[in-house]
Amino acid sequence: MKKLVIATLVTAGALSLMAADGKALSAKCAGCHGADFSKKALGVSKVVKGMKADEIVKALQGYKAGTFGGSMKGVMKGQVATYNDEQIKAVADYIATIK
């Protein structure tokens, strides 16, 4: 029983660290936004590079809820659908650090 509890805690801790890795989580975004987020996704979106973390969080939460965005709303809703609030914040914090 003791080993099971320890294994569960270690696994939960590892998953939590993985979930909070904004760089890794944002990798799927690079295809449209560019590796340094300086590209307009599909030629129409706002450039994400240079945005503040709280702006990115607000946008990503809005995309997830379906309450934010114009022509990219449907695409982005699918991209962030599986992200929880911690993951959204991690992605936003990472992107906001890119110079």
Protein backbone atom coordinates (compact mmCIF):
# COMPACT_ATOMS: atom_id res chain seq x y z
CA MET A 1 0.00 0.00 0.00
CA LYS A 2 2.81 2.38 0.91
CA LYS A 3 4.49 1.77 -2.47
CA LEU A 4 1.23 2.43 -4.28
CA VAL A 5 0.76 5.76 -2.50
CA ILE A 6 4.34 6.81 -3.27
CA ALA A 7 4.02 5.75 -6.92
CA THR A 8 0.74 7.67 -7.21
CA LEU A 9 2.27 10.81 -5.71
CA VAL A 10 5.33 10.60 -7.97
CA THR A 11 3.15 10.09 -11.04
CA ALA A 12 0.84 12.96 -10.08
CA GLY A 13 3.83 15.22 -9.50
CA ALA A 14 5.35 14.31 -12.85
CA LEU A 15 2.06 14.92 -14.65
CA SER A 16 1.68 18.27 -12.93
CA LEU A 17 5.16 19.33 -14.02
CA MET A 18 4.47 18.19 -17.57
CA ALA A 19 1.15 20.02 -17.62
CA ALA A 20 2.80 23.25 -16.55
CA ASP A 21 5.47 23.17 -19.29
CA GLY A 22 4.38 26.10 -21.42
CA LYS A 23 7.12 25.61 -23.99
CA ALA A 24 6.13 22.00 -24.63
CA LEU A 25 2.43 22.81 -24.64
CA SER A 26 2.91 25.66 -27.11
CA ALA A 27 4.79 23.49 -29.60
CA LYS A 28 1.57 22.66 -31.47
CA CYS A 29 0.93 26.39 -31.88
CA ALA A 30 4.17 26.95 -33.79
CA GLY A 31 2.80 25.41 -36.97
CA CYS A 32 0.49 28.38 -37.49
CA HIS A 33 2.02 31.12 -35.33
CA GLY A 34 5.69 30.39 -36.08
CA ALA A 35 8.39 29.13 -33.72
CA ASP A 36 8.80 32.60 -32.23
CA PHE A 37 5.08 33.48 -32.48
CA SER A 38 5.78 36.40 -34.85
CA LYS A 39 3.58 35.09 -37.66
CA LYS A 40 -0.09 35.83 -38.37
CA ALA A 41 -1.70 32.39 -38.19
CA LEU A 42 -3.08 31.46 -41.60
CA GLY A 43 -2.29 35.04 -42.59
CA VAL A 44 -5.25 36.48 -40.67
CA SER A 45 -4.70 36.34 -36.91
CA LYS A 46 -3.09 38.89 -34.66
CA VAL A 47 0.63 38.33 -34.04
CA VAL A 48 0.93 36.76 -30.59
CA LYS A 49 4.57 37.71 -29.97
CA GLY A 50 4.73 40.81 -27.81
CA MET A 51 1.40 40.22 -26.10
CA LYS A 52 1.29 40.20 -22.31
CA ALA A 53 0.58 36.93 -20.53
CA ASP A 54 -2.78 38.12 -19.18
CA GLU A 55 -3.89 39.10 -22.71
CA ILE A 56 -2.97 35.65 -23.99
CA VAL A 57 -4.73 33.94 -21.08
CA LYS A 58 -7.89 35.97 -21.72
CA ALA A 59 -7.80 35.14 -25.44
CA LEU A 60 -7.14 31.42 -24.93
CA GLN A 61 -9.85 31.11 -22.29
CA GLY A 62 -12.22 32.94 -24.62
CA TYR A 63 -11.36 30.65 -27.52
CA LYS A 64 -11.92 27.64 -25.28
CA ALA A 65 -15.31 28.98 -24.17
CA GLY A 66 -16.21 29.98 -27.72
CA THR A 67 -16.69 33.61 -26.68
CA PHE A 68 -13.61 35.14 -28.29
CA GLY A 69 -12.23 35.52 -31.78
CA GLY A 70 -13.34 36.20 -35.27
CA SER A 71 -12.57 33.96 -38.21
CA MET A 72 -10.12 31.88 -36.17
CA LYS A 73 -12.61 31.07 -33.39
CA GLY A 74 -13.44 27.56 -34.62
CA VAL A 75 -9.82 26.58 -35.24
CA MET A 76 -8.60 27.93 -31.94
CA LYS A 77 -11.46 26.43 -29.92
CA GLY A 78 -10.28 23.01 -31.05
CA GLN A 79 -6.65 23.81 -30.32
CA VAL A 80 -7.24 24.80 -26.69
CA ALA A 81 -10.19 22.53 -25.90
CA THR A 82 -8.11 20.10 -23.84
CA TYR A 83 -6.06 22.71 -21.96
CA ASN A 84 -6.96 23.39 -18.34
CA ASP A 85 -6.44 26.80 -16.70
CA GLU A 86 -2.96 25.86 -15.46
CA GLN A 87 -1.89 24.81 -18.95
CA ILE A 88 -3.33 27.96 -20.52
CA LYS A 89 -1.42 30.08 -18.02
CA ALA A 90 1.79 28.13 -18.65
CA VAL A 91 1.48 28.63 -22.41
CA ALA A 92 0.72 32.34 -21.97
CA ASP A 93 3.61 32.83 -19.56
CA TYR A 94 6.00 31.12 -21.95
CA ILE A 95 4.89 33.03 -25.03
CA ALA A 96 5.06 36.35 -23.14
CA THR A 97 8.77 35.72 -22.44
CA ILE A 98 9.71 35.32 -26.11
CA LYS A 99 11.71 38.32 -27.29
